[in-house]
Protein backbone atom coordinates (compact mmCIF):
# COMPACT_ATOMS: atom_id res chain seq x y z
CA UNK A 1 -9.39 0.23 -15.04
CA UNK A 2 -6.18 -1.11 -16.49
CA UNK A 3 -6.18 -4.35 -18.46
CA UNK A 4 -3.75 -6.83 -16.96
CA UNK A 5 -1.56 -9.11 -19.01
CA UNK A 6 -2.23 -11.90 -16.50
CA UNK A 7 -5.37 -13.95 -17.14
CA UNK A 8 -7.05 -11.02 -18.93
CA UNK A 9 -8.17 -9.52 -15.60
CA UNK A 10 -8.70 -5.85 -14.94
CA UNK A 11 -6.75 -3.97 -12.31
CA UNK A 12 -8.03 -0.87 -10.55
CA UNK A 13 -5.82 2.22 -10.62
CA UNK A 14 -6.45 3.08 -6.99
CA UNK A 15 -6.35 1.86 -3.41
CA UNK A 16 -8.73 2.07 -0.42
CA UNK A 17 -8.29 5.00 1.98
CA UNK A 18 -7.00 2.59 4.65
CA UNK A 19 -3.83 2.12 2.56
CA UNK A 20 -2.89 5.79 2.97
CA UNK A 21 0.04 6.69 5.20
CA UNK A 22 -1.29 9.11 7.86
CA UNK A 23 2.21 10.48 8.59
CA UNK A 24 2.71 11.64 5.00
CA UNK A 25 2.85 15.44 4.62
CA UNK A 26 1.01 15.27 1.29
CA UNK A 27 -2.72 14.54 0.94
CA UNK A 28 -3.35 10.91 0.10
CA UNK A 29 -3.41 10.08 -3.58
CA UNK A 30 -5.60 7.01 -3.64
CA UNK A 31 -7.21 7.17 -7.06
CA UNK A 32 -5.68 7.55 -10.51
CA UNK A 33 -2.29 6.69 -9.02
CA UNK A 34 -0.55 6.27 -12.37
CA UNK A 35 -2.09 9.38 -13.97
CA UNK A 36 0.41 12.23 -13.52
CA UNK A 37 -1.90 14.86 -15.00
CA UNK A 38 -4.64 14.16 -12.45
CA UNK A 39 -2.51 15.46 -9.55
CA UNK A 40 -0.53 18.66 -9.03
CA UNK A 41 3.28 18.37 -9.07
CA UNK A 42 3.21 14.57 -9.17
CA UNK A 43 5.16 11.87 -10.97
CA UNK A 44 4.23 8.35 -9.93
CA UNK A 45 7.49 6.84 -11.22
CA UNK A 46 9.91 9.09 -9.34
CA UNK A 47 7.98 10.21 -6.30
CA UNK A 48 7.54 8.14 -3.18
CA UNK A 49 3.85 7.41 -2.95
CA UNK A 50 2.02 8.21 0.26
CA UNK A 51 0.41 4.78 0.39
CA UNK A 52 1.68 1.79 2.30
CA UNK A 53 3.60 -0.65 0.12
CA UNK A 54 3.16 -3.58 2.49
CA UNK A 55 -0.29 -5.17 2.43
CA UNK A 56 -2.57 -5.81 5.39
CA UNK A 57 -2.02 -9.57 5.36
CA UNK A 58 1.76 -9.22 5.47
CA UNK A 59 1.58 -6.61 8.26
CA UNK A 60 -0.72 -8.76 10.42
CA UNK A 61 1.32 -11.93 9.92
CA UNK A 62 4.51 -10.05 10.82
CA UNK A 63 2.93 -8.55 13.94
CA UNK A 64 1.49 -11.81 15.21
CA UNK A 65 4.68 -13.77 14.45
CA UNK A 66 6.65 -11.27 16.52
CA UNK A 67 4.09 -11.55 19.30
CA UNK A 68 4.22 -15.36 19.24
CA UNK A 69 8.03 -15.34 19.27
CA UNK A 70 8.02 -13.08 22.34
CA UNK A 71 5.46 -15.22 24.15
CA UNK A 72 7.31 -18.41 23.17
CA UNK A 73 10.58 -17.04 24.54
CA UNK A 74 8.91 -16.09 27.82
CA UNK A 75 7.29 -19.52 28.20
CA UNK A 76 10.54 -21.38 27.63
């Protein structure tokens, strides 16, 4: 756990498996993301991570907004 500077909360240094990008050629690094020594040939600051940057909420809202715009255009 990493201590946050916001409200004294703790942040977890990992993500759920569902955040992993299945099209990435590298195995998913989902725990100890900021620990370079925990993973072979890895630098979290320079390397593109194989996890999705966009969250689930943002992805769903974007998908459904596009769907509603398409349906709205067809109705009009």
